[in-house]
């Protein structure tokens, strides 16, 4: 055989062997990347939920929020008369 053919076959065999041996490493990398992305997504959802809860807490702690919540529970001011629909 000619020398260039032997070199080409050797390089092809080396590349094939390298790809076959690194397959599990690539699969591990993909698994880790997916787990990382899942955790990032969960973290963003938690941050969004926390922001909503902080906003709701601030709203309920305000005087207007307290009054609104009391009215939802049926409380009224002493001088107010309940409306009845006849």
Protein backbone atom coordinates (compact mmCIF):
# COMPACT_ATOMS: atom_id res chain seq x y z
CA UNK A 1 0.00 0.00 0.00
CA UNK A 2 1.00 3.51 -0.48
CA UNK A 3 1.98 5.64 2.45
CA UNK A 4 -0.87 8.25 2.09
CA UNK A 5 -3.48 5.47 2.17
CA UNK A 6 -1.99 4.03 5.37
CA UNK A 7 -1.93 7.48 6.97
CA UNK A 8 -5.56 8.12 5.98
CA UNK A 9 -6.67 4.75 7.39
CA UNK A 10 -4.75 5.35 10.62
CA UNK A 11 -6.32 8.79 11.06
CA UNK A 12 -9.79 7.38 10.30
CA UNK A 13 -9.32 4.57 12.83
CA UNK A 14 -8.05 7.03 15.46
CA UNK A 15 -11.02 9.36 14.96
CA UNK A 16 -13.50 6.46 15.06
CA UNK A 17 -11.92 5.06 18.23
CA UNK A 18 -11.97 8.50 19.86
CA UNK A 19 -15.63 9.01 19.02
CA UNK A 20 -16.62 5.59 20.32
CA UNK A 21 -14.73 6.06 23.57
CA UNK A 22 -16.10 9.55 24.18
CA UNK A 23 -19.75 8.62 23.57
CA UNK A 24 -20.47 8.06 27.26
CA UNK A 25 -18.79 11.36 28.13
CA UNK A 26 -21.07 13.19 25.71
CA UNK A 27 -24.13 11.43 27.11
CA UNK A 28 -23.06 12.40 30.63
CA UNK A 29 -22.58 15.98 29.50
CA UNK A 30 -26.06 16.06 27.96
CA UNK A 31 -27.60 14.61 31.13
CA UNK A 32 -25.82 17.16 33.31
CA UNK A 33 -26.79 20.00 30.99
CA UNK A 34 -30.45 18.94 31.10
CA UNK A 35 -30.38 18.70 34.90
CA UNK A 36 -28.79 22.17 35.07
CA UNK A 37 -31.44 23.65 32.78
CA UNK A 38 -34.21 22.03 34.85
CA UNK A 39 -32.80 23.52 38.05
CA UNK A 40 -32.45 26.96 36.46
CA UNK A 41 -36.07 26.78 35.30
CA UNK A 42 -37.24 25.71 38.77
CA UNK A 43 -35.20 28.52 40.34
CA UNK A 44 -36.78 31.11 38.05
CA UNK A 45 -40.26 29.82 38.92
CA UNK A 46 -39.45 30.05 42.63
CA UNK A 47 -38.20 33.62 42.17
CA UNK A 48 -41.38 34.55 40.31
CA UNK A 49 -43.57 32.97 42.99
CA UNK A 50 -41.61 34.77 45.71
CA UNK A 51 -42.01 38.12 43.95
CA UNK A 52 -45.77 37.54 43.68
CA UNK A 53 -45.99 36.63 47.37
CA UNK A 54 -43.99 39.71 48.38
CA UNK A 55 -46.29 41.89 46.30
CA UNK A 56 -49.39 40.28 47.82
CA UNK A 57 -47.96 40.60 51.34
CA UNK A 58 -47.18 44.28 50.79
CA UNK A 59 -50.69 44.82 49.48
CA UNK A 60 -52.30 43.05 52.46
CA UNK A 61 -50.11 44.93 54.96
CA UNK A 62 -51.23 48.31 53.65
CA UNK A 63 -54.22 50.01 55.32
CA UNK A 64 -56.27 49.68 52.14
CA UNK A 65 -55.42 45.99 51.89
CA UNK A 66 -56.41 45.38 55.50
CA UNK A 67 -59.73 47.14 54.97
CA UNK A 68 -60.39 45.22 51.76
CA UNK A 69 -59.66 41.89 53.46
CA UNK A 70 -61.91 42.79 56.40
CA UNK A 71 -64.76 43.62 54.02
CA UNK A 72 -64.27 40.28 52.28
CA UNK A 73 -64.71 38.63 55.67
CA UNK A 74 -67.95 40.57 56.27
CA UNK A 75 -66.76 43.36 58.56
CA UNK A 76 -68.10 46.87 58.11
CA UNK A 77 -67.56 50.24 59.71
CA UNK A 78 -69.86 51.11 62.63
CA UNK A 79 -71.70 53.86 60.75
CA UNK A 80 -72.27 51.80 57.59
CA UNK A 81 -75.54 50.05 57.01
CA UNK A 82 -75.57 46.81 55.03
CA UNK A 83 -77.37 47.00 51.72
CA UNK A 84 -80.20 44.61 51.18
CA UNK A 85 -81.69 43.93 47.82
CA UNK A 86 -85.45 43.52 47.93
